[in-house]
Protein backbone atom coordinates (compact mmCIF):
# COMPACT_ATOMS: atom_id res chain seq x y z
CA MET A 1 45.93 142.17 186.40
CA ASP A 2 46.74 145.73 187.47
CA ASN A 3 44.78 146.71 190.59
CA ARG A 4 43.50 149.90 188.93
CA LEU A 5 42.19 147.84 186.02
CA HIS A 6 40.44 145.44 188.37
CA GLU A 7 38.83 148.31 190.28
CA GLU A 8 37.67 149.99 187.06
CA ILE A 9 36.24 146.70 185.76
CA VAL A 10 34.26 146.32 188.99
CA ARG A 11 32.92 149.89 188.67
CA THR A 12 32.03 149.38 185.02
CA VAL A 13 30.28 146.07 185.66
CA ARG A 14 28.16 147.74 188.35
CA LYS A 15 27.09 150.36 185.79
CA ILE A 16 26.19 147.67 183.27
CA VAL A 17 24.18 145.68 185.82
CA PHE A 18 22.19 148.83 186.58
CA VAL A 19 20.99 149.23 182.97
CA LEU A 20 20.16 145.56 182.28
CA ASP A 21 16.63 144.37 182.94
CA SER A 22 16.08 141.39 185.22
CA GLU A 23 15.16 139.05 182.37
CA PHE A 24 18.47 139.72 180.62
CA ARG A 25 20.41 139.39 183.88
CA ASN A 26 18.77 136.00 184.48
CA GLU A 27 19.60 134.90 180.93
CA LEU A 28 23.23 135.84 181.44
CA LYS A 29 23.35 134.05 184.80
CA ALA A 30 22.01 130.87 183.19
CA THR A 31 24.71 130.96 180.50
CA THR A 32 27.73 128.71 180.77
CA GLU A 33 31.26 130.05 180.40
CA ARG A 34 31.46 128.44 176.96
CA GLU A 35 28.27 130.16 175.81
CA LEU A 36 29.39 133.68 176.71
CA SER A 37 30.54 134.27 173.13
CA ASP A 38 26.83 134.26 172.20
CA PHE A 39 26.70 137.76 173.72
CA HIS A 40 29.46 139.14 171.47
CA PHE A 41 27.14 140.72 168.89
CA GLY A 42 24.40 141.94 171.24
CA LEU A 43 25.63 142.98 174.64
CA GLY A 44 29.20 143.07 173.37
CA VAL A 45 28.39 145.61 170.66
CA TRP A 46 26.50 147.75 173.17
CA ILE A 47 29.49 147.67 175.54
CA ARG A 48 31.93 148.51 172.75
CA ASN A 49 29.80 151.41 171.49
CA ASN A 50 28.62 152.86 174.81
CA ILE A 51 31.08 151.88 177.53
CA LEU A 52 34.42 151.49 175.75
CA THR A 53 34.59 154.94 174.25
CA ASN A 54 38.11 156.23 173.64
CA ASP A 55 37.74 158.78 176.42
CA SER A 56 36.41 156.37 179.07
CA ALA A 57 38.52 155.47 182.08
CA VAL A 58 38.02 151.74 181.65
CA TYR A 59 39.16 151.90 178.00
CA ARG A 60 42.28 153.90 178.86
CA ILE A 61 43.22 151.55 181.71
CA PHE A 62 42.73 148.47 179.51
CA VAL A 63 45.09 150.03 176.92
CA GLU A 64 47.63 150.92 179.61
CA ASN A 65 47.60 147.23 180.58
CA GLY A 66 48.23 146.07 177.01
CA ILE A 67 44.67 145.09 176.16
CA ILE A 68 44.07 147.11 173.01
CA GLU A 69 41.24 145.32 171.20
CA LYS A 70 37.73 146.39 172.18
CA ASP A 71 36.50 142.86 171.40
CA ASP A 72 38.83 141.52 174.09
CA MET A 73 37.79 144.26 176.51
CA SER A 74 34.09 143.57 176.04
CA ALA A 75 34.66 139.83 176.46
CA ILE A 76 36.41 140.47 179.78
CA LEU A 77 33.59 142.73 180.92
CA ILE A 78 30.91 140.19 179.94
CA ARG A 79 32.75 137.41 181.78
CA GLU A 80 33.11 139.59 184.88
CA LEU A 81 29.47 140.65 184.59
CA ARG A 82 28.37 137.02 184.65
CA CYS A 83 30.62 136.31 187.66
CA THR A 84 29.16 139.31 189.48
CA LEU A 85 25.61 138.19 188.78
CA LEU A 86 26.48 134.72 190.06
CA GLY A 87 28.01 136.19 193.22
CA LYS A 88 31.53 134.96 192.45
């Protein structure tokens, strides 16, 4: 993974953590890796509509790194969000 992409993912995840309430953060922390797809239509839609806008830095850097589908981008962000919440 490109270092710029990694740095932008970290920044973006911090922004997402800030807007999530503690109950939702705890729910995400309790989720297994296999269950993360359950967040595709809730949190994932919110990320795709509010974070992954065509003019956002994280979107542009994903595209520059060959990741062009917003579904894939949101899945990466959700996985990294969970890891962050778990302190990994």
